[in-house]
Amino acid sequence: MADKPVLWVTHNGRNFDVPFLMYEFQRCKIEMPGDWLFVDTLHNSRQLVDSNGLKLKSASLEKLREHYEIPFAGSAHRAMQDVTTLCYVLQKLTFELKLFLKKNYPVGEALTVG
């Protein structure tokens, strides 16, 4: 889709996926597209609170799946299961945090946004 930004949704992307992609693009001497945006559900889920108003003890994908009562099918840390869980987590986070999608960032800010 020419002239449209690409939104990558990750869980711990700021610390793992984005640096990995950046390294691989640099290794291949290819510039990463400037219109790629990244949303890190781990970073955003740290704002969540439980039913008692306390911050969640863990923002792991597994704990978020439990928090949102997302059905589990398959093995944890298997690509398709994690993608499916992440899709549901993104949907729930977007609803719960309301302004969630305003917390995306371009690749150039991946390592500097706190």
PDB file of N, CA and C in Angstrom:
ATOM      1  N   MET A   1       0.854  -1.179   0.000  1.00  0.00           N
ATOM      2  CA  MET A   1       0.000   0.000   0.000  1.00  0.00           C
ATOM      3  C   MET A   1       0.893   1.233   0.000  1.00  0.00           C
ATOM      4  N   ALA A   2       1.132   1.732  -1.151  1.00  0.00           N
ATOM      5  CA  ALA A   2       2.007   2.884  -1.291  1.00  0.00           C
ATOM      6  C   ALA A   2       1.436   4.095  -0.559  1.00  0.00           C
ATOM      7  N   ASP A   3       2.327   4.879   0.014  1.00  0.00           N
ATOM      8  CA  ASP A   3       1.980   6.124   0.699  1.00  0.00           C
ATOM      9  C   ASP A   3       1.111   5.918   1.935  1.00  0.00           C
ATOM     10  N   LYS A   4       1.086   4.724   2.474  1.00  0.00           N
ATOM     11  CA  LYS A   4       0.345   4.445   3.704  1.00  0.00           C
ATOM     12  C   LYS A   4       1.341   3.914   4.728  1.00  0.00           C
ATOM     13  N   PRO A   5       1.260   4.393   5.971  1.00  0.00           N
ATOM     14  CA  PRO A   5       2.176   3.861   6.989  1.00  0.00           C
ATOM     15  C   PRO A   5       1.850   2.403   7.306  1.00  0.00           C
ATOM     16  N   VAL A   6       2.856   1.689   7.759  1.00  0.00           N
ATOM     17  CA  VAL A   6       2.706   0.300   8.188  1.00  0.00           C
ATOM     18  C   VAL A   6       2.783   0.291   9.705  1.00  0.00           C
ATOM     19  N   LEU A   7       1.804  -0.324  10.351  1.00  0.00           N
ATOM     20  CA  LEU A   7       1.773  -0.403  11.808  1.00  0.00           C
ATOM     21  C   LEU A   7       2.148  -1.814  12.227  1.00  0.00           C
ATOM     22  N   TRP A   8       3.261  -1.928  12.928  1.00  0.00           N
ATOM     23  CA  TRP A   8       3.718  -3.206  13.469  1.00  0.00           C
ATOM     24  C   TRP A   8       3.278  -3.271  14.926  1.00  0.00           C
ATOM     25  N   VAL A   9       2.606  -4.333  15.296  1.00  0.00           N
ATOM     26  CA  VAL A   9       2.165  -4.530  16.676  1.00  0.00           C
ATOM     27  C   VAL A   9       3.036  -5.617  17.287  1.00  0.00           C
ATOM     28  N   THR A  10       3.665  -5.286  18.403  1.00  0.00           N
ATOM     29  CA  THR A  10       4.603  -6.206  19.046  1.00  0.00           C
ATOM     30  C   THR A  10       4.326  -6.277  20.538  1.00  0.00           C
ATOM     31  N   HIS A  11       4.886  -7.268  21.175  1.00  0.00           N
ATOM     32  CA  HIS A  11       4.892  -7.342  22.635  1.00  0.00           C
ATOM     33  C   HIS A  11       6.360  -7.448  23.017  1.00  0.00           C
ATOM     34  N   ASN A  12       6.876  -6.410  23.604  1.00  0.00           N
ATOM     35  CA  ASN A  12       8.294  -6.232  23.908  1.00  0.00           C
ATOM     36  C   ASN A  12       9.088  -5.884  22.653  1.00  0.00           C
ATOM     37  N   GLY A  13       8.433  -5.258  21.700  1.00  0.00           N
ATOM     38  CA  GLY A  13       9.093  -4.868  20.462  1.00  0.00           C
ATOM     39  C   GLY A  13      10.159  -3.818  20.650  1.00  0.00           C
ATOM     40  N   ARG A  14       9.944  -2.935  21.606  1.00  0.00           N
ATOM     41  CA  ARG A  14      10.916  -1.860  21.836  1.00  0.00           C
ATOM     42  C   ARG A  14      12.274  -2.430  22.221  1.00  0.00           C
ATOM     43  N   ASN A  15      12.273  -3.508  22.980  1.00  0.00           N
ATOM     44  CA  ASN A  15      13.531  -4.087  23.449  1.00  0.00           C
ATOM     45  C   ASN A  15      14.011  -5.268  22.616  1.00  0.00           C
ATOM     46  N   PHE A  16      13.134  -5.883  21.820  1.00  0.00           N
ATOM     47  CA  PHE A  16      13.553  -7.058  21.065  1.00  0.00           C
ATOM     48  C   PHE A  16      13.328  -6.908  19.567  1.00  0.00           C
ATOM     49  N   ASP A  17      12.083  -6.860  19.137  1.00  0.00           N
ATOM     50  CA  ASP A  17      11.774  -6.916  17.700  1.00  0.00           C
ATOM     51  C   ASP A  17      12.363  -5.746  16.911  1.00  0.00           C
ATOM     52  N   VAL A  18      12.179  -4.534  17.417  1.00  0.00           N
ATOM     53  CA  VAL A  18      12.649  -3.366  16.668  1.00  0.00           C
ATOM     54  C   VAL A  18      14.175  -3.334  16.586  1.00  0.00           C
ATOM     55  N   PRO A  19      14.900  -3.507  17.694  1.00  0.00           N
ATOM     56  CA  PRO A  19      16.365  -3.553  17.553  1.00  0.00           C
ATOM     57  C   PRO A  19      16.831  -4.682  16.626  1.00  0.00           C
ATOM     58  N   PHE A  20      16.151  -5.830  16.673  1.00  0.00           N
ATOM     59  CA  PHE A  20      16.499  -6.940  15.784  1.00  0.00           C
ATOM     60  C   PHE A  20      16.308  -6.534  14.331  1.00  0.00           C
ATOM     61  N   LEU A  21      15.158  -5.941  14.014  1.00  0.00           N
ATOM     62  CA  LEU A  21      14.899  -5.485  12.647  1.00  0.00           C
ATOM     63  C   LEU A  21      15.913  -4.432  12.211  1.00  0.00           C
ATOM     64  N   MET A  22      16.193  -3.490  13.103  1.00  0.00           N
ATOM     65  CA  MET A  22      17.156  -2.435  12.771  1.00  0.00           C
ATOM     66  C   MET A  22      18.522  -3.034  12.450  1.00  0.00           C
ATOM     67  N   TYR A  23      18.958  -3.985  13.251  1.00  0.00           N
ATOM     68  CA  TYR A  23      20.251  -4.630  13.039  1.00  0.00           C
ATOM     69  C   TYR A  23      20.281  -5.340  11.687  1.00  0.00           C
ATOM     70  N   GLU A  24      19.215  -6.086  11.398  1.00  0.00           N
ATOM     71  CA  GLU A  24      19.172  -6.846  10.144  1.00  0.00           C
ATOM     72  C   GLU A  24      19.150  -5.918   8.925  1.00  0.00           C
ATOM     73  N   PHE A  25      18.418  -4.836   9.017  1.00  0.00           N
ATOM     74  CA  PHE A  25      18.413  -3.875   7.904  1.00  0.00           C
ATOM     75  C   PHE A  25      19.805  -3.263   7.726  1.00  0.00           C
ATOM     76  N   GLN A  26      20.449  -2.896   8.835  1.00  0.00           N
ATOM     77  CA  GLN A  26      21.798  -2.336   8.756  1.00  0.00           C
ATOM     78  C   GLN A  26      22.780  -3.365   8.204  1.00  0.00           C
ATOM     79  N   ARG A  27      22.661  -4.600   8.649  1.00  0.00           N
ATOM     80  CA  ARG A  27      23.551  -5.668   8.187  1.00  0.00           C
ATOM     81  C   ARG A  27      23.428  -5.861   6.678  1.00  0.00           C
ATOM     82  N   CYS A  28      22.215  -5.705   6.169  1.00  0.00           N
ATOM     83  CA  CYS A  28      21.974  -5.855   4.727  1.00  0.00           C
ATOM     84  C   CYS A  28      22.190  -4.552   3.967  1.00  0.00           C
ATOM     85  N   LYS A  29      22.592  -3.504   4.708  1.00  0.00           N
ATOM     86  CA  LYS A  29      22.830  -2.192   4.111  1.00  0.00           C
ATOM     87  C   LYS A  29      21.594  -1.655   3.386  1.00  0.00           C
ATOM     88  N   ILE A  30      20.454  -1.850   4.037  1.00  0.00           N
ATOM     89  CA  ILE A  30      19.173  -1.367   3.525  1.00  0.00           C
ATOM     90  C   ILE A  30      18.569  -0.443   4.580  1.00  0.00           C
ATOM     91  N   GLU A  31      18.029   0.667   4.133  1.00  0.00           N
ATOM     92  CA  GLU A  31      17.394   1.600   5.060  1.00  0.00           C
ATOM     93  C   GLU A  31      15.996   1.106   5.424  1.00  0.00           C
ATOM     94  N   MET A  32      15.693   1.158   6.724  1.00  0.00           N
ATOM     95  CA  MET A  32      14.343   0.771   7.150  1.00  0.00           C
ATOM     96  C   MET A  32      13.353   1.810   6.657  1.00  0.00           C
ATOM     97  N   PRO A  33      12.194   1.379   6.236  1.00  0.00           N
ATOM     98  CA  PRO A  33      11.189   2.335   5.774  1.00  0.00           C
ATOM     99  C   PRO A  33      10.825   3.346   6.867  1.00  0.00           C
ATOM    100  N   GLY A  34      10.789   4.595   6.512  1.00  0.00           N
ATOM    101  CA  GLY A  34      10.481   5.652   7.473  1.00  0.00           C
ATOM    102  C   GLY A  34       9.015   5.739   7.838  1.00  0.00           C
ATOM    103  N   ASP A  35       8.156   5.044   7.091  1.00  0.00           N
ATOM    104  CA  ASP A  35       6.728   5.113   7.388  1.00  0.00           C
ATOM    105  C   ASP A  35       6.248   3.922   8.229  1.00  0.00           C
ATOM    106  N   TRP A  36       7.184   3.157   8.775  1.00  0.00           N
ATOM    107  CA  TRP A  36       6.810   2.074   9.682  1.00  0.00           C
ATOM    108  C   TRP A  36       6.606   2.657  11.075  1.00  0.00           C
ATOM    109  N   LEU A  37       5.510   2.301  11.701  1.00  0.00           N
ATOM    110  CA  LEU A  37       5.211   2.689  13.076  1.00  0.00           C
ATOM    111  C   LEU A  37       5.114   1.417  13.906  1.00  0.00           C
ATOM    112  N   PHE A  38       5.453   1.528  15.183  1.00  0.00           N
ATOM    113  CA  PHE A  38       5.445   0.367  16.069  1.00  0.00           C
ATOM    114  C   PHE A  38       4.606   0.651  17.310  1.00  0.00           C
ATOM    115  N   VAL A  39       3.803  -0.309  17.693  1.00  0.00           N
ATOM    116  CA  VAL A  39       3.062  -0.269  18.954  1.00  0.00           C
ATOM    117  C   VAL A  39       3.576  -1.436  19.780  1.00  0.00           C
ATOM    118  N   ASP A  40       3.958  -1.147  20.992  1.00  0.00           N
ATOM    119  CA  ASP A  40       4.465  -2.182  21.886  1.00  0.00           C
ATOM    120  C   ASP A  40       3.438  -2.408  22.987  1.00  0.00           C
ATOM    121  N   THR A  41       2.737  -3.538  22.929  1.00  0.00           N
ATOM    122  CA  THR A  41       1.691  -3.802  23.928  1.00  0.00           C
ATOM    123  C   THR A  41       2.277  -3.994  25.317  1.00  0.00           C
ATOM    124  N   LEU A  42       3.524  -4.443  25.415  1.00  0.00           N
ATOM    125  CA  LEU A  42       4.149  -4.582  26.735  1.00  0.00           C
ATOM    126  C   LEU A  42       4.275  -3.207  27.382  1.00  0.00           C
ATOM    127  N   HIS A  43       4.829  -2.272  26.641  1.00  0.00           N
ATOM    128  CA  HIS A  43       5.008  -0.911  27.155  1.00  0.00           C
ATOM    129  C   HIS A  43       3.666  -0.297  27.569  1.00  0.00           C
ATOM    130  N   ASN A  44       2.667  -0.429  26.705  1.00  0.00           N
ATOM    131  CA  ASN A  44       1.366   0.170  26.982  1.00  0.00           C
ATOM    132  C   ASN A  44       0.599  -0.549  28.082  1.00  0.00           C
ATOM    133  N   SER A  45       0.766  -1.861  28.190  1.00  0.00           N
ATOM    134  CA  SER A  45       0.010  -2.612  29.194  1.00  0.00           C
ATOM    135  C   SER A  45       0.497  -2.337  30.614  1.00  0.00           C
ATOM    136  N   ARG A  46       1.653  -1.757  30.759  1.00  0.00           N
ATOM    137  CA  ARG A  46       2.157  -1.425  32.102  1.00  0.00           C
ATOM    138  C   ARG A  46       1.327  -0.326  32.764  1.00  0.00           C
ATOM    139  N   GLN A  47       0.413   0.281  32.010  1.00  0.00           N
ATOM    140  CA  GLN A  47      -0.489   1.290  32.569  1.00  0.00           C
ATOM    141  C   GLN A  47      -1.764   0.665  33.141  1.00  0.00           C
ATOM    142  N   LEU A  48      -1.963  -0.621  32.901  1.00  0.00           N
ATOM    143  CA  LEU A  48      -3.201  -1.277  33.301  1.00  0.00           C
ATOM    144  C   LEU A  48      -3.292  -1.476  34.807  1.00  0.00           C
ATOM    145  N   VAL A  49      -4.505  -1.480  35.290  1.00  0.00           N
ATOM    146  CA  VAL A  49      -4.774  -1.772  36.694  1.00  0.00           C
ATOM    147  C   VAL A  49      -5.779  -2.911  36.764  1.00  0.00           C
ATOM    148  N   ASP A  50      -5.755  -3.639  37.886  1.00  0.00           N
ATOM    149  CA  ASP A  50      -6.698  -4.734  38.060  1.00  0.00           C
ATOM    150  C   ASP A  50      -8.009  -4.207  38.632  1.00  0.00           C
ATOM    151  N   SER A  51      -8.907  -5.099  38.983  1.00  0.00           N
ATOM    152  CA  SER A  51     -10.229  -4.697  39.478  1.00  0.00           C
ATOM    153  C   SER A  51     -10.157  -3.976  40.822  1.00  0.00           C
ATOM    154  N   ASN A  52      -9.030  -4.082  41.529  1.00  0.00           N
ATOM    155  CA  ASN A  52      -8.838  -3.380  42.802  1.00  0.00           C
ATOM    156  C   ASN A  52      -8.152  -2.034  42.630  1.00  0.00           C
ATOM    157  N   GLY A  53      -7.879  -1.650  41.394  1.00  0.00           N
ATOM    158  CA  GLY A  53      -7.213  -0.382  41.133  1.00  0.00           C
ATOM    159  C   GLY A  53      -5.706  -0.434  41.277  1.00  0.00           C
ATOM    160  N   LEU A  54      -5.144  -1.631  41.392  1.00  0.00           N
ATOM    161  CA  LEU A  54      -3.696  -1.791  41.526  1.00  0.00           C
ATOM    162  C   LEU A  54      -3.096  -2.159  40.172  1.00  0.00           C
ATOM    163  N   LYS A  55      -1.870  -1.669  39.935  1.00  0.00           N
ATOM    164  CA  LYS A  55      -1.199  -2.021  38.683  1.00  0.00           C
ATOM    165  C   LYS A  55      -1.022  -3.531  38.611  1.00  0.00           C
ATOM    166  N   LEU A  56      -1.112  -4.059  37.400  1.00  0.00           N
ATOM    167  CA  LEU A  56      -0.901  -5.494  37.218  1.00  0.00           C
ATOM    168  C   LEU A  56       0.513  -5.858  37.646  1.00  0.00           C
ATOM    169  N   LYS A  57       0.664  -7.019  38.273  1.00  0.00           N
ATOM    170  CA  LYS A  57       1.981  -7.450  38.736  1.00  0.00           C
ATOM    171  C   LYS A  57       2.905  -7.785  37.581  1.00  0.00           C
ATOM    172  N   SER A  58       2.332  -8.234  36.481  1.00  0.00           N
ATOM    173  CA  SER A  58       3.124  -8.611  35.317  1.00  0.00           C
ATOM    174  C   SER A  58       2.385  -8.185  34.061  1.00  0.00           C
ATOM    175  N   ALA A  59       3.141  -7.782  33.078  1.00  0.00           N
ATOM    176  CA  ALA A  59       2.550  -7.402  31.793  1.00  0.00           C
ATOM    177  C   ALA A  59       2.984  -8.383  30.700  1.00  0.00           C
ATOM    178  N   SER A  60       3.358  -9.594  31.118  1.00  0.00           N
ATOM    179  CA  SER A  60       3.737 -10.604  30.131  1.00  0.00           C
ATOM    180  C   SER A  60       2.516 -10.944  29.277  1.00  0.00           C
ATOM    181  N   LEU A  61       2.755 -11.442  28.099  1.00  0.00           N
ATOM    182  CA  LEU A  61       1.655 -11.802  27.207  1.00  0.00           C
ATOM    183  C   LEU A  61       0.764 -12.852  27.863  1.00  0.00           C
ATOM    184  N   GLU A  62       1.369 -13.795  28.549  1.00  0.00           N
ATOM    185  CA  GLU A  62       0.604 -14.840  29.247  1.00  0.00           C
ATOM    186  C   GLU A  62      -0.285 -14.238  30.338  1.00  0.00           C
ATOM    187  N   LYS A  63       0.267 -13.319  31.129  1.00  0.00           N
ATOM    188  CA  LYS A  63      -0.519 -12.695  32.208  1.00  0.00           C
ATOM    189  C   LYS A  63      -1.634 -11.819  31.646  1.00  0.00           C
ATOM    190  N   LEU A  64      -1.374 -11.147  30.518  1.00  0.00           N
ATOM    191  CA  LEU A  64      -2.426 -10.349  29.880  1.00  0.00           C
ATOM    192  C   LEU A  64      -3.530 -11.248  29.335  1.00  0.00           C
ATOM    193  N   ARG A  65      -3.139 -12.402  28.790  1.00  0.00           N
ATOM    194  CA  ARG A  65      -4.138 -13.361  28.316  1.00  0.00           C
ATOM    195  C   ARG A  65      -5.032 -13.796  29.468  1.00  0.00           C
ATOM    196  N   GLU A  66      -4.435 -14.076  30.620  1.00  0.00           N
ATOM    197  CA  GLU A  66      -5.209 -14.459  31.805  1.00  0.00           C
ATOM    198  C   GLU A  66      -6.070 -13.294  32.289  1.00  0.00           C
ATOM    199  N   HIS A  67      -5.499 -12.099  32.352  1.00  0.00           N
ATOM    200  CA  HIS A  67      -6.216 -10.903  32.816  1.00  0.00           C
ATOM    201  C   HIS A  67      -7.466 -10.658  31.979  1.00  0.00           C
ATOM    202  N   TYR A  68      -7.349 -10.820  30.680  1.00  0.00           N
ATOM    203  CA  TYR A  68      -8.471 -10.571  29.779  1.00  0.00           C
ATOM    204  C   TYR A  68      -9.319 -11.815  29.509  1.00  0.00           C
ATOM    205  N   GLU A  69      -8.948 -12.923  30.150  1.00  0.00           N
ATOM    206  CA  GLU A  69      -9.683 -14.185  29.989  1.00  0.00           C
ATOM    207  C   GLU A  69      -9.778 -14.593  28.515  1.00  0.00           C
ATOM    208  N   ILE A  70      -8.666 -14.480  27.839  1.00  0.00           N
ATOM    209  CA  ILE A  70      -8.578 -14.869  26.427  1.00  0.00           C
ATOM    210  C   ILE A  70      -8.371 -16.379  26.380  1.00  0.00           C
ATOM    211  N   PRO A  71      -9.186 -17.084  25.606  1.00  0.00           N
ATOM    212  CA  PRO A  71      -9.045 -18.547  25.534  1.00  0.00           C
ATOM    213  C   PRO A  71      -7.656 -18.945  25.044  1.00  0.00           C
ATOM    214  N   PHE A  72      -7.165 -20.024  25.593  1.00  0.00           N
ATOM    215  CA  PHE A  72      -5.837 -20.517  25.237  1.00  0.00           C
ATOM    216  C   PHE A  72      -5.977 -21.811  24.465  1.00  0.00           C
ATOM    217  N   ALA A  73      -5.353 -21.854  23.312  1.00  0.00           N
ATOM    218  CA  ALA A  73      -5.352 -23.076  22.506  1.00  0.00           C
ATOM    219  C   ALA A  73      -3.958 -23.257  21.938  1.00  0.00           C
ATOM    220  N   GLY A  74      -3.336 -24.364  22.243  1.00  0.00           N
ATOM    221  CA  GLY A  74      -1.995 -24.599  21.731  1.00  0.00           C
ATOM    222  C   GLY A  74      -0.948 -24.382  22.798  1.00  0.00           C
ATOM    223  N   SER A  75       0.279 -24.194  22.371  1.00  0.00           N
ATOM    224  CA  SER A  75       1.411 -24.034  23.279  1.00  0.00           C
ATOM    225  C   SER A  75       1.837 -22.577  23.345  1.00  0.00           C
ATOM    226  N   ALA A  76       2.173 -22.130  24.549  1.00  0.00           N
ATOM    227  CA  ALA A  76       2.682 -20.764  24.717  1.00  0.00           C
ATOM    228  C   ALA A  76       4.006 -20.633  23.977  1.00  0.00           C
ATOM    229  N   HIS A  77       4.298 -19.447  23.540  1.00  0.00           N
ATOM    230  CA  HIS A  77       5.524 -19.101  22.830  1.00  0.00           C
ATOM    231  C   HIS A  77       5.649 -19.835  21.492  1.00  0.00           C
ATOM    232  N   ARG A  78       4.518 -20.213  20.938  1.00  0.00           N
ATOM    233  CA  ARG A  78       4.475 -20.719  19.570  1.00  0.00           C
ATOM    234  C   ARG A  78       3.950 -19.564  18.737  1.00  0.00           C
ATOM    235  N   ALA A  79       4.500 -19.367  17.582  1.00  0.00           N
ATOM    236  CA  ALA A  79       4.220 -18.160  16.797  1.00  0.00           C
ATOM    237  C   ALA A  79       2.733 -17.890  16.611  1.00  0.00           C
ATOM    238  N   MET A  80       1.987 -18.855  16.133  1.00  0.00           N
ATOM    239  CA  MET A  80       0.578 -18.589  15.833  1.00  0.00           C
ATOM    240  C   MET A  80      -0.235 -18.327  17.093  1.00  0.00           C
ATOM    241  N   GLN A  81       0.040 -19.060  18.164  1.00  0.00           N
ATOM    242  CA  GLN A  81      -0.666 -18.830  19.429  1.00  0.00           C
ATOM    243  C   GLN A  81      -0.363 -17.431  19.955  1.00  0.00           C
ATOM    244  N   ASP A  82       0.892 -17.016  19.898  1.00  0.00           N
ATOM    245  CA  ASP A  82       1.264 -15.688  20.378  1.00  0.00           C
ATOM    246  C   ASP A  82       0.631 -14.590  19.518  1.00  0.00           C
ATOM    247  N   VAL A  83       0.577 -14.787  18.204  1.00  0.00           N
ATOM    248  CA  VAL A  83      -0.051 -13.801  17.321  1.00  0.00           C
ATOM    249  C   VAL A  83      -1.538 -13.682  17.642  1.00  0.00           C
ATOM    250  N   THR A  84      -2.196 -14.821  17.809  1.00  0.00           N
ATOM    251  CA  THR A  84      -3.630 -14.807  18.135  1.00  0.00           C
ATOM    252  C   THR A  84      -3.870 -14.102  19.464  1.00  0.00           C
ATOM    253  N   THR A  85      -3.078 -14.448  20.458  1.00  0.00           N
ATOM    254  CA  THR A  85      -3.214 -13.802  21.773  1.00  0.00           C
ATOM    255  C   THR A  85      -2.953 -12.309  21.654  1.00  0.00           C
ATOM    256  N   LEU A  86      -1.913 -11.929  20.919  1.00  0.00           N
ATOM    257  CA  LEU A  86      -1.576 -10.519  20.752  1.00  0.00           C
ATOM    258  C   LEU A  86      -2.709  -9.749  20.075  1.00  0.00           C
ATOM    259  N   CYS A  87      -3.374 -10.362  19.110  1.00  0.00           N
ATOM    260  CA  CYS A  87      -4.523  -9.711  18.451  1.00  0.00           C
ATOM    261  C   CYS A  87      -5.618  -9.385  19.464  1.00  0.00           C
ATOM    262  N   TYR A  88      -5.928 -10.348  20.320  1.00  0.00           N
ATOM    263  CA  TYR A  88      -6.949 -10.118  21.339  1.00  0.00           C
ATOM    264  C   TYR A  88      -6.493  -9.098  22.372  1.00  0.00           C
ATOM    265  N   VAL A  89      -5.228  -9.183  22.778  1.00  0.00           N
ATOM    266  CA  VAL A  89      -4.691  -8.222  23.757  1.00  0.00           C
ATOM    267  C   VAL A  89      -4.750  -6.809  23.185  1.00  0.00           C
ATOM    268  N   LEU A  90      -4.357  -6.643  21.937  1.00  0.00           N
ATOM    269  CA  LEU A  90      -4.418  -5.314  21.312  1.00  0.00           C
ATOM    270  C   LEU A  90      -5.846  -4.779  21.326  1.00  0.00           C
ATOM    271  N   GLN A  91      -6.800  -5.625  20.978  1.00  0.00           N
ATOM    272  CA  GLN A  91      -8.203  -5.214  20.974  1.00  0.00           C
ATOM    273  C   GLN A  91      -8.644  -4.774  22.371  1.00  0.00           C
ATOM    274  N   LYS A  92      -8.316  -5.565  23.383  1.00  0.00           N
ATOM    275  CA  LYS A  92      -8.721  -5.237  24.763  1.00  0.00           C
ATOM    276  C   LYS A  92      -7.994  -3.991  25.266  1.00  0.00           C
ATOM    277  N   LEU A  93      -6.686  -3.895  24.983  1.00  0.00           N
ATOM    278  CA  LEU A  93      -5.917  -2.724  25.405  1.00  0.00           C
ATOM    279  C   LEU A  93      -6.443  -1.446  24.761  1.00  0.00           C
ATOM    280  N   THR A  94      -6.730  -1.528  23.472  1.00  0.00           N
ATOM    281  CA  THR A  94      -7.232  -0.357  22.755  1.00  0.00           C
ATOM    282  C   THR A  94      -8.515   0.134  23.390  1.00  0.00           C
ATOM    283  N   PHE A  95      -9.383  -0.791  23.708  1.00  0.00           N
ATOM    284  CA  PHE A  95     -10.637  -0.429  24.358  1.00  0.00           C
ATOM    285  C   PHE A  95     -10.383   0.131  25.755  1.00  0.00           C
ATOM    286  N   GLU A  96      -9.530  -0.546  26.519  1.00  0.00           N
ATOM    287  CA  GLU A  96      -9.313  -0.172  27.914  1.00  0.00           C
ATOM    288  C   GLU A  96      -8.526   1.132  28.071  1.00  0.00           C
ATOM    289  N   LEU A  97      -7.539   1.334  27.262  1.00  0.00           N
ATOM    290  CA  LEU A  97      -6.696   2.523  27.408  1.00  0.00           C
ATOM    291  C   LEU A  97      -7.158   3.709  26.573  1.00  0.00           C
ATOM    292  N   LYS A  98      -8.078   3.497  25.673  1.00  0.00           N
ATOM    293  CA  LYS A  98      -8.702   4.532  24.839  1.00  0.00           C
ATOM    294  C   LYS A  98      -7.721   5.249  23.912  1.00  0.00           C
ATOM    295  N   LEU A  99      -6.671   5.805  24.436  1.00  0.00           N
ATOM    296  CA  LEU A  99      -5.720   6.564  23.627  1.00  0.00           C
ATOM    297  C   LEU A  99      -4.517   5.722  23.219  1.00  0.00           C
ATOM    298  N   PHE A 100      -4.661   4.443  23.323  1.00  0.00           N
ATOM    299  CA  PHE A 100      -3.565   3.511  23.092  1.00  0.00           C
ATOM    300  C   PHE A 100      -2.834   3.758  21.772  1.00  0.00           C
ATOM    301  N   LEU A 101      -3.539   3.937  20.696  1.00  0.00           N
ATOM    302  CA  LEU A 101      -2.883   4.059  19.401  1.00  0.00           C
ATOM    303  C   LEU A 101      -2.113   5.360  19.235  1.00  0.00           C
ATOM    304  N   LYS A 102      -2.278   6.299  20.137  1.00  0.00           N
ATOM    305  CA  LYS A 102      -1.464   7.509  20.092  1.00  0.00           C
ATOM    306  C   LYS A 102      -0.061   7.232  20.624  1.00  0.00           C
ATOM    307  N   LYS A 103       0.158   6.040  21.139  1.00  0.00           N
ATOM    308  CA  LYS A 103       1.452   5.690  21.712  1.00  0.00           C
ATOM    309  C   LYS A 103       2.294   4.870  20.751  1.00  0.00           C
ATOM    310  N   ASN A 104       2.098   5.076  19.466  1.00  0.00           N
ATOM    311  CA  ASN A 104       2.974   4.409  18.510  1.00  0.00           C
ATOM    312  C   ASN A 104       4.172   5.316  18.260  1.00  0.00           C
ATOM    313  N   TYR A 105       5.175   4.787  17.633  1.00  0.00           N
ATOM    314  CA  TYR A 105       6.386   5.571  17.419  1.00  0.00           C
ATOM    315  C   TYR A 105       7.058   5.136  16.121  1.00  0.00           C
ATOM    316  N   PRO A 106       7.714   6.070  15.443  1.00  0.00           N
ATOM    317  CA  PRO A 106       8.448   5.699  14.227  1.00  0.00           C
ATOM    318  C   PRO A 106       9.722   4.971  14.597  1.00  0.00           C
ATOM    319  N   VAL A 107      10.271   4.240  13.653  1.00  0.00           N
ATOM    320  CA  VAL A 107      11.450   3.429  13.911  1.00  0.00           C
ATOM    321  C   VAL A 107      12.623   4.253  14.451  1.00  0.00           C
ATOM    322  N   GLY A 108      12.761   5.498  14.032  1.00  0.00           N
ATOM    323  CA  GLY A 108      13.855   6.340  14.492  1.00  0.00           C
ATOM    324  C   GLY A 108      13.795   6.647  15.976  1.00  0.00           C
ATOM    325  N   GLU A 109      12.631   6.493  16.574  1.00  0.00           N
ATOM    326  CA  GLU A 109      12.482   6.754  18.008  1.00  0.00           C
ATOM    327  C   GLU A 109      12.417   5.468  18.812  1.00  0.00           C
ATOM    328  N   ALA A 110      12.577   4.331  18.184  1.00  0.00           N
ATOM    329  CA  ALA A 110      12.386   3.038  18.839  1.00  0.00           C
ATOM    330  C   ALA A 110      13.232   2.875  20.086  1.00  0.00           C
ATOM    331  N   LEU A 111      14.445   3.328  20.050  1.00  0.00           N
ATOM    332  CA  LEU A 111      15.342   3.127  21.175  1.00  0.00           C
ATOM    333  C   LEU A 111      15.410   4.343  22.093  1.00  0.00           C
ATOM    334  N   THR A 112      14.738   5.430  21.736  1.00  0.00           N
ATOM    335  CA  THR A 112      14.829   6.639  22.551  1.00  0.00           C
ATOM    336  C   THR A 112      13.539   6.967  23.294  1.00  0.00           C
ATOM    337  N   VAL A 113      12.411   6.389  22.850  1.00  0.00           N
ATOM    338  CA  VAL A 113      11.141   6.680  23.513  1.00  0.00           C
ATOM    339  C   VAL A 113      11.091   5.896  24.794  1.00  0.00           C
ATOM    340  N   GLY A 114      10.779   6.557  25.913  1.00  0.00           N
ATOM    341  CA  GLY A 114      10.798   5.871  27.203  1.00  0.00           C
ATOM    342  C   GLY A 114       9.529   5.464  27.722  1.00  0.00           C
TER     343      GLY A 114
END
